[in-house]
Amino acid sequence: KGFTRQSAQAIDYGLDFYAPQTLEAPDGRRI
């Protein structure tokens, strides 16, 4: 079925923040 959106929010509420990217660390954390 694909992706079903449930909520929307800003990521950062400050003045300087753009183009975030994540990784999964070896210990399982999403950074």
PDB file of all heavy atoms in Angstrom:
ATOM      1  N   LYS A   1       0.818  -1.218   0.000  1.00  0.00           N
ATOM      2  CA  LYS A   1       0.000   0.000   0.000  1.00  0.00           C
ATOM      3  C   LYS A   1       0.850   1.266   0.000  1.00  0.00           C
ATOM      4  O   LYS A   1       0.375   2.339  -0.363  1.00  0.00           O
ATOM      5  CB  LYS A   1      -0.923   0.002   1.217  1.00  0.00           C
ATOM      6  CG  LYS A   1      -1.926  -1.139   1.234  1.00  0.00           C
ATOM      7  CD  LYS A   1      -2.784  -1.086   2.488  1.00  0.00           C
ATOM      8  CE  LYS A   1      -3.778  -2.251   2.515  1.00  0.00           C
ATOM      9  NZ  LYS A   1      -4.594  -2.228   3.757  1.00  0.00           N
ATOM     10  N   GLY A   2       2.108   1.180   0.448  1.00  0.00           N
ATOM     11  CA  GLY A   2       2.961   2.357   0.497  1.00  0.00           C
ATOM     12  C   GLY A   2       2.918   3.053   1.844  1.00  0.00           C
ATOM     13  O   GLY A   2       2.601   2.449   2.874  1.00  0.00           O
ATOM     14  N   PHE A   3       3.245   4.338   1.839  1.00  0.00           N
ATOM     15  CA  PHE A   3       3.349   5.138   3.058  1.00  0.00           C
ATOM     16  C   PHE A   3       2.027   5.848   3.333  1.00  0.00           C
ATOM     17  O   PHE A   3       1.456   6.489   2.435  1.00  0.00           O
ATOM     18  CB  PHE A   3       4.472   6.168   2.902  1.00  0.00           C
ATOM     19  CG  PHE A   3       4.610   7.117   4.061  1.00  0.00           C
ATOM     20  CD1 PHE A   3       5.045   6.670   5.303  1.00  0.00           C
ATOM     21  CD2 PHE A   3       4.324   8.473   3.908  1.00  0.00           C
ATOM     22  CE1 PHE A   3       5.187   7.548   6.374  1.00  0.00           C
ATOM     23  CE2 PHE A   3       4.471   9.356   4.965  1.00  0.00           C
ATOM     24  CZ  PHE A   3       4.895   8.892   6.199  1.00  0.00           C
ATOM     25  N   THR A   4       1.557   5.736   4.574  1.00  0.00           N
ATOM     26  CA  THR A   4       0.345   6.426   5.013  1.00  0.00           C
ATOM     27  C   THR A   4       0.724   7.461   6.049  1.00  0.00           C
ATOM     28  O   THR A   4       1.186   7.121   7.142  1.00  0.00           O
ATOM     29  CB  THR A   4      -0.675   5.440   5.608  1.00  0.00           C
ATOM     30  OG1 THR A   4      -0.970   4.433   4.632  1.00  0.00           O
ATOM     31  CG2 THR A   4      -1.953   6.168   5.999  1.00  0.00           C
ATOM     32  N   ARG A   5       0.551   8.701   5.713  1.00  0.00           N
ATOM     33  CA  ARG A   5       0.904   9.809   6.597  1.00  0.00           C
ATOM     34  C   ARG A   5      -0.119   9.948   7.726  1.00  0.00           C
ATOM     35  O   ARG A   5      -1.326   9.939   7.508  1.00  0.00           O
ATOM     36  CB  ARG A   5       0.955  11.078   5.761  1.00  0.00           C
ATOM     37  CG  ARG A   5       1.196  12.341   6.486  1.00  0.00           C
ATOM     38  CD  ARG A   5       0.821  13.587   5.710  1.00  0.00           C
ATOM     39  NE  ARG A   5       1.361  13.682   4.358  1.00  0.00           N
ATOM     40  CZ  ARG A   5       1.191  14.742   3.586  1.00  0.00           C
ATOM     41  NH1 ARG A   5       0.501  15.785   4.038  1.00  0.00           N
ATOM     42  NH2 ARG A   5       1.678  14.769   2.372  1.00  0.00           N
ATOM     43  N   GLN A   6       0.376  10.113   8.977  1.00  0.00           N
ATOM     44  CA  GLN A   6      -0.507  10.285  10.130  1.00  0.00           C
ATOM     45  C   GLN A   6      -0.334  11.626  10.826  1.00  0.00           C
ATOM     46  O   GLN A   6      -1.274  12.145  11.431  1.00  0.00           O
ATOM     47  CB  GLN A   6      -0.264   9.147  11.141  1.00  0.00           C
ATOM     48  CG  GLN A   6      -0.648   7.780  10.588  1.00  0.00           C
ATOM     49  CD  GLN A   6      -0.212   6.644  11.474  1.00  0.00           C
ATOM     50  OE1 GLN A   6       0.646   6.792  12.346  1.00  0.00           O
ATOM     51  NE2 GLN A   6      -0.797   5.462  11.247  1.00  0.00           N
ATOM     52  N   SER A   7       0.860  12.195  10.769  1.00  0.00           N
ATOM     53  CA  SER A   7       1.076  13.495  11.415  1.00  0.00           C
ATOM     54  C   SER A   7       2.187  14.236  10.696  1.00  0.00           C
ATOM     55  O   SER A   7       3.009  13.629   9.999  1.00  0.00           O
ATOM     56  CB  SER A   7       1.427  13.331  12.900  1.00  0.00           C
ATOM     57  OG  SER A   7       2.681  12.670  13.050  1.00  0.00           O
ATOM     58  N   ALA A   8       2.185  15.559  10.866  1.00  0.00           N
ATOM     59  CA  ALA A   8       3.202  16.409  10.251  1.00  0.00           C
ATOM     60  C   ALA A   8       3.684  17.423  11.271  1.00  0.00           C
ATOM     61  O   ALA A   8       2.879  17.988  12.026  1.00  0.00           O
ATOM     62  CB  ALA A   8       2.629  17.129   9.023  1.00  0.00           C
ATOM     63  N   GLN A   9       4.992  17.663  11.307  1.00  0.00           N
ATOM     64  CA  GLN A   9       5.560  18.644  12.221  1.00  0.00           C
ATOM     65  C   GLN A   9       6.835  19.202  11.622  1.00  0.00           C
ATOM     66  O   GLN A   9       7.431  18.610  10.718  1.00  0.00           O
ATOM     67  CB  GLN A   9       5.873  18.002  13.584  1.00  0.00           C
ATOM     68  CG  GLN A   9       6.981  16.957  13.516  1.00  0.00           C
ATOM     69  CD  GLN A   9       7.416  16.430  14.870  1.00  0.00           C
ATOM     70  OE1 GLN A   9       6.841  15.484  15.392  1.00  0.00           O
ATOM     71  NE2 GLN A   9       8.435  17.056  15.429  1.00  0.00           N
ATOM     72  N   ALA A  10       7.249  20.365  12.103  1.00  0.00           N
ATOM     73  CA  ALA A  10       8.581  20.863  11.779  1.00  0.00           C
ATOM     74  C   ALA A  10       9.610  19.979  12.483  1.00  0.00           C
ATOM     75  O   ALA A  10       9.311  19.319  13.482  1.00  0.00           O
ATOM     76  CB  ALA A  10       8.725  22.309  12.217  1.00  0.00           C
ATOM     77  N   ILE A  11      10.826  19.974  11.959  1.00  0.00           N
ATOM     78  CA  ILE A  11      11.896  19.197  12.598  1.00  0.00           C
ATOM     79  C   ILE A  11      12.631  20.050  13.610  1.00  0.00           C
ATOM     80  O   ILE A  11      12.838  19.653  14.757  1.00  0.00           O
ATOM     81  CB  ILE A  11      12.863  18.633  11.538  1.00  0.00           C
ATOM     82  CG1 ILE A  11      12.105  17.749  10.542  1.00  0.00           C
ATOM     83  CG2 ILE A  11      13.983  17.835  12.210  1.00  0.00           C
ATOM     84  CD1 ILE A  11      12.934  17.268   9.373  1.00  0.00           C
ATOM     85  N   ASP A  12      13.041  21.237  13.222  1.00  0.00           N
ATOM     86  CA  ASP A  12      13.748  22.166  14.105  1.00  0.00           C
ATOM     87  C   ASP A  12      13.019  23.505  14.032  1.00  0.00           C
ATOM     88  O   ASP A  12      12.599  23.933  12.951  1.00  0.00           O
ATOM     89  CB  ASP A  12      15.204  22.308  13.672  1.00  0.00           C
ATOM     90  CG  ASP A  12      16.048  23.097  14.648  1.00  0.00           C
ATOM     91  OD1 ASP A  12      15.991  24.346  14.626  1.00  0.00           O
ATOM     92  OD2 ASP A  12      16.791  22.469  15.433  1.00  0.00           O
ATOM     93  N   TYR A  13      12.894  24.176  15.195  1.00  0.00           N
ATOM     94  CA  TYR A  13      12.091  25.394  15.278  1.00  0.00           C
ATOM     95  C   TYR A  13      12.947  26.658  15.387  1.00  0.00           C
ATOM     96  O   TYR A  13      12.427  27.726  15.694  1.00  0.00           O
ATOM     97  CB  TYR A  13      11.142  25.294  16.477  1.00  0.00           C
ATOM     98  CG  TYR A  13      10.099  24.223  16.311  1.00  0.00           C
ATOM     99  CD1 TYR A  13      10.391  22.886  16.571  1.00  0.00           C
ATOM    100  CD2 TYR A  13       8.821  24.535  15.867  1.00  0.00           C
ATOM    101  CE1 TYR A  13       9.432  21.895  16.409  1.00  0.00           C
ATOM    102  CE2 TYR A  13       7.850  23.559  15.701  1.00  0.00           C
ATOM    103  CZ  TYR A  13       8.163  22.231  15.973  1.00  0.00           C
ATOM    104  OH  TYR A  13       7.211  21.255  15.791  1.00  0.00           O
ATOM    105  N   GLY A  14      14.233  26.519  15.129  1.00  0.00           N
ATOM    106  CA  GLY A  14      15.124  27.667  15.251  1.00  0.00           C
ATOM    107  C   GLY A  14      15.304  28.403  13.945  1.00  0.00           C
ATOM    108  O   GLY A  14      14.485  28.337  13.017  1.00  0.00           O
ATOM    109  N   LEU A  15      16.429  29.099  13.850  1.00  0.00           N
ATOM    110  CA  LEU A  15      16.721  29.952  12.708  1.00  0.00           C
ATOM    111  C   LEU A  15      17.600  29.281  11.663  1.00  0.00           C
ATOM    112  O   LEU A  15      17.609  29.702  10.507  1.00  0.00           O
ATOM    113  CB  LEU A  15      17.411  31.228  13.205  1.00  0.00           C
ATOM    114  CG  LEU A  15      16.510  32.187  13.990  1.00  0.00           C
ATOM    115  CD1 LEU A  15      17.329  33.006  14.970  1.00  0.00           C
ATOM    116  CD2 LEU A  15      15.756  33.106  13.047  1.00  0.00           C
ATOM    117  N   ASP A  16      18.353  28.273  12.052  1.00  0.00           N
ATOM    118  CA  ASP A  16      19.367  27.694  11.168  1.00  0.00           C
ATOM    119  C   ASP A  16      19.317  26.177  11.230  1.00  0.00           C
ATOM    120  O   ASP A  16      19.895  25.565  12.133  1.00  0.00           O
ATOM    121  CB  ASP A  16      20.760  28.192  11.560  1.00  0.00           C
ATOM    122  CG  ASP A  16      20.915  29.683  11.346  1.00  0.00           C
ATOM    123  OD1 ASP A  16      20.799  30.121  10.194  1.00  0.00           O
ATOM    124  OD2 ASP A  16      21.139  30.407  12.327  1.00  0.00           O
ATOM    125  N   PHE A  17      18.655  25.574  10.243  1.00  0.00           N
ATOM    126  CA  PHE A  17      18.561  24.119  10.206  1.00  0.00           C
ATOM    127  C   PHE A  17      17.990  23.743   8.856  1.00  0.00           C
ATOM    128  O   PHE A  17      16.927  24.219   8.459  1.00  0.00           O
ATOM    129  CB  PHE A  17      17.639  23.617  11.320  1.00  0.00           C
ATOM    130  CG  PHE A  17      17.576  22.114  11.457  1.00  0.00           C
ATOM    131  CD1 PHE A  17      18.385  21.472  12.384  1.00  0.00           C
ATOM    132  CD2 PHE A  17      16.699  21.360  10.696  1.00  0.00           C
ATOM    133  CE1 PHE A  17      18.320  20.085  12.533  1.00  0.00           C
ATOM    134  CE2 PHE A  17      16.637  19.988  10.828  1.00  0.00           C
ATOM    135  CZ  PHE A  17      17.445  19.347  11.750  1.00  0.00           C
ATOM    136  N   TYR A  18      18.694  22.854   8.110  1.00  0.00           N
ATOM    137  CA  TYR A  18      18.212  22.467   6.783  1.00  0.00           C
ATOM    138  C   TYR A  18      18.869  21.153   6.371  1.00  0.00           C
ATOM    139  O   TYR A  18      19.962  20.809   6.833  1.00  0.00           O
ATOM    140  CB  TYR A  18      18.548  23.556   5.752  1.00  0.00           C
ATOM    141  CG  TYR A  18      17.743  23.459   4.474  1.00  0.00           C
ATOM    142  CD1 TYR A  18      16.386  23.761   4.456  1.00  0.00           C
ATOM    143  CD2 TYR A  18      18.339  23.067   3.286  1.00  0.00           C
ATOM    144  CE1 TYR A  18      15.641  23.672   3.289  1.00  0.00           C
ATOM    145  CE2 TYR A  18      17.600  22.969   2.102  1.00  0.00           C
ATOM    146  CZ  TYR A  18      16.247  23.276   2.118  1.00  0.00           C
ATOM    147  OH  TYR A  18      15.507  23.189   0.968  1.00  0.00           O
ATOM    148  N   ALA A  19      18.184  20.436   5.496  1.00  0.00           N
ATOM    149  CA  ALA A  19      18.712  19.238   4.826  1.00  0.00           C
ATOM    150  C   ALA A  19      19.193  18.156   5.787  1.00  0.00           C
ATOM    151  O   ALA A  19      20.278  17.601   5.610  1.00  0.00           O
ATOM    152  CB  ALA A  19      19.845  19.625   3.871  1.00  0.00           C
ATOM    153  N   PRO A  20      18.419  17.800   6.823  1.00  0.00           N
ATOM    154  CA  PRO A  20      18.880  16.769   7.748  1.00  0.00           C
ATOM    155  C   PRO A  20      19.020  15.412   7.066  1.00  0.00           C
ATOM    156  O   PRO A  20      18.316  15.089   6.103  1.00  0.00           O
ATOM    157  CB  PRO A  20      17.781  16.738   8.823  1.00  0.00           C
ATOM    158  CG  PRO A  20      16.559  17.240   8.123  1.00  0.00           C
ATOM    159  CD  PRO A  20      17.064  18.275   7.162  1.00  0.00           C
ATOM    160  N   GLN A  21      19.939  14.613   7.590  1.00  0.00           N
ATOM    161  CA  GLN A  21      20.146  13.247   7.114  1.00  0.00           C
ATOM    162  C   GLN A  21      20.431  12.369   8.319  1.00  0.00           C
ATOM    163  O   GLN A  21      21.046  12.813   9.287  1.00  0.00           O
ATOM    164  CB  GLN A  21      21.297  13.196   6.109  1.00  0.00           C
ATOM    165  CG  GLN A  21      21.342  11.916   5.293  1.00  0.00           C
ATOM    166  CD  GLN A  21      22.319  11.977   4.134  1.00  0.00           C
ATOM    167  OE1 GLN A  21      23.451  11.512   4.257  1.00  0.00           O
ATOM    168  NE2 GLN A  21      21.902  12.536   2.997  1.00  0.00           N
ATOM    169  N   THR A  22      19.987  11.110   8.260  1.00  0.00           N
ATOM    170  CA  THR A  22      20.141  10.213   9.399  1.00  0.00           C
ATOM    171  C   THR A  22      20.949   8.980   9.020  1.00  0.00           C
ATOM    172  O   THR A  22      21.130   8.654   7.838  1.00  0.00           O
ATOM    173  CB  THR A  22      18.777   9.751   9.950  1.00  0.00           C
ATOM    174  OG1 THR A  22      18.218   8.753   9.080  1.00  0.00           O
ATOM    175  CG2 THR A  22      17.807  10.912  10.100  1.00  0.00           C
ATOM    176  N   LEU A  23      21.395   8.278  10.054  1.00  0.00           N
ATOM    177  CA  LEU A  23      21.980   6.947   9.898  1.00  0.00           C
ATOM    178  C   LEU A  23      21.505   6.078  11.040  1.00  0.00           C
ATOM    179  O   LEU A  23      21.022   6.565  12.065  1.00  0.00           O
ATOM    180  CB  LEU A  23      23.513   7.006   9.875  1.00  0.00           C
ATOM    181  CG  LEU A  23      24.287   7.613  11.052  1.00  0.00           C
ATOM    182  CD1 LEU A  23      24.311   6.717  12.297  1.00  0.00           C
ATOM    183  CD2 LEU A  23      25.715   7.910  10.641  1.00  0.00           C
ATOM    184  N   GLU A  24      21.638   4.774  10.845  1.00  0.00           N
ATOM    185  CA  GLU A  24      21.430   3.834  11.941  1.00  0.00           C
ATOM    186  C   GLU A  24      22.793   3.419  12.455  1.00  0.00           C
ATOM    187  O   GLU A  24      23.598   2.845  11.713  1.00  0.00           O
ATOM    188  CB  GLU A  24      20.634   2.609  11.493  1.00  0.00           C
ATOM    189  CG  GLU A  24      20.336   1.660  12.655  1.00  0.00           C
ATOM    190  CD  GLU A  24      19.531   0.443  12.239  1.00  0.00           C
ATOM    191  OE1 GLU A  24      19.432   0.175  11.020  1.00  0.00           O
ATOM    192  OE2 GLU A  24      19.014  -0.259  13.131  1.00  0.00           O
ATOM    193  N   ALA A  25      23.070   3.723  13.718  1.00  0.00           N
ATOM    194  CA  ALA A  25      24.354   3.387  14.316  1.00  0.00           C
ATOM    195  C   ALA A  25      24.416   1.883  14.602  1.00  0.00           C
ATOM    196  O   ALA A  25      23.381   1.211  14.685  1.00  0.00           O
ATOM    197  CB  ALA A  25      24.555   4.181  15.602  1.00  0.00           C
ATOM    198  N   PRO A  26      25.626   1.340  14.750  1.00  0.00           N
ATOM    199  CA  PRO A  26      25.751  -0.105  15.032  1.00  0.00           C
ATOM    200  C   PRO A  26      24.988  -0.542  16.273  1.00  0.00           C
ATOM    201  O   PRO A  26      24.578  -1.702  16.361  1.00  0.00           O
ATOM    202  CB  PRO A  26      27.271  -0.288  15.205  1.00  0.00           C
ATOM    203  CG  PRO A  26      27.873   0.793  14.362  1.00  0.00           C
ATOM    204  CD  PRO A  26      26.945   1.971  14.510  1.00  0.00           C
ATOM    205  N   ASP A  27      24.788   0.369  17.236  1.00  0.00           N
ATOM    206  CA  ASP A  27      24.043   0.003  18.449  1.00  0.00           C
ATOM    207  C   ASP A  27      22.540   0.197  18.295  1.00  0.00           C
ATOM    208  O   ASP A  27      21.787   0.070  19.262  1.00  0.00           O
ATOM    209  CB  ASP A  27      24.556   0.794  19.652  1.00  0.00           C
ATOM    210  CG  ASP A  27      24.429   2.302  19.481  1.00  0.00           C
ATOM    211  OD1 ASP A  27      23.764   2.755  18.511  1.00  0.00           O
ATOM    212  OD2 ASP A  27      24.986   3.044  20.313  1.00  0.00           O
ATOM    213  N   GLY A  28      22.079   0.514  17.085  1.00  0.00           N
ATOM    214  CA  GLY A  28      20.648   0.623  16.823  1.00  0.00           C
ATOM    215  C   GLY A  28      20.068   2.009  16.914  1.00  0.00           C
ATOM    216  O   GLY A  28      18.909   2.220  16.543  1.00  0.00           O
ATOM    217  N   ARG A  29      20.835   2.972  17.390  1.00  0.00           N
ATOM    218  CA  ARG A  29      20.308   4.335  17.491  1.00  0.00           C
ATOM    219  C   ARG A  29      20.135   4.959  16.109  1.00  0.00           C
ATOM    220  O   ARG A  29      20.931   4.728  15.212  1.00  0.00           O
ATOM    221  CB  ARG A  29      21.260   5.221  18.301  1.00  0.00           C
ATOM    222  CG  ARG A  29      21.293   4.947  19.786  1.00  0.00           C
ATOM    223  CD  ARG A  29      22.284   5.869  20.476  1.00  0.00           C
ATOM    224  NE  ARG A  29      23.661   5.581  20.082  1.00  0.00           N
ATOM    225  CZ  ARG A  29      24.691   6.400  20.290  1.00  0.00           C
ATOM    226  NH1 ARG A  29      24.495   7.581  20.868  1.00  0.00           N
ATOM    227  NH2 ARG A  29      25.899   6.053  19.919  1.00  0.00           N
ATOM    228  N   ARG A  30      19.094   5.753  15.947  1.00  0.00           N
ATOM    229  CA  ARG A  30      18.915   6.562  14.747  1.00  0.00           C
ATOM    230  C   ARG A  30      19.467   7.955  15.066  1.00  0.00           C
ATOM    231  O   ARG A  30      18.983   8.638  15.959  1.00  0.00           O
ATOM    232  CB  ARG A  30      17.445   6.634  14.368  1.00  0.00           C
ATOM    233  CG  ARG A  30      17.118   7.480  13.150  1.00  0.00           C
ATOM    234  CD  ARG A  30      17.717   6.978  11.860  1.00  0.00           C
ATOM    235  NE  ARG A  30      17.348   5.627  11.489  1.00  0.00           N
ATOM    236  CZ  ARG A  30      17.632   5.077  10.308  1.00  0.00           C
ATOM    237  NH1 ARG A  30      18.293   5.767   9.379  1.00  0.00           N
ATOM    238  NH2 ARG A  30      17.300   3.819  10.049  1.00  0.00           N
ATOM    239  N   ILE A  31      20.506   8.361  14.337  1.00  0.00           N
ATOM    240  CA  ILE A  31      21.215   9.615  14.584  1.00  0.00           C
ATOM    241  C   ILE A  31      20.975  10.552  13.412  1.00  0.00           C
ATOM    242  O   ILE A  31      21.074  10.146  12.252  1.00  0.00           O
ATOM    243  CB  ILE A  31      22.732   9.388  14.756  1.00  0.00           C
ATOM    244  CG1 ILE A  31      23.010   8.288  15.784  1.00  0.00           C
ATOM    245  CG2 ILE A  31      23.433  10.692  15.143  1.00  0.00           C
ATOM    246  CD1 ILE A  31      22.645   8.615  17.189  1.00  0.00           C
TER     247      ILE A  31
END
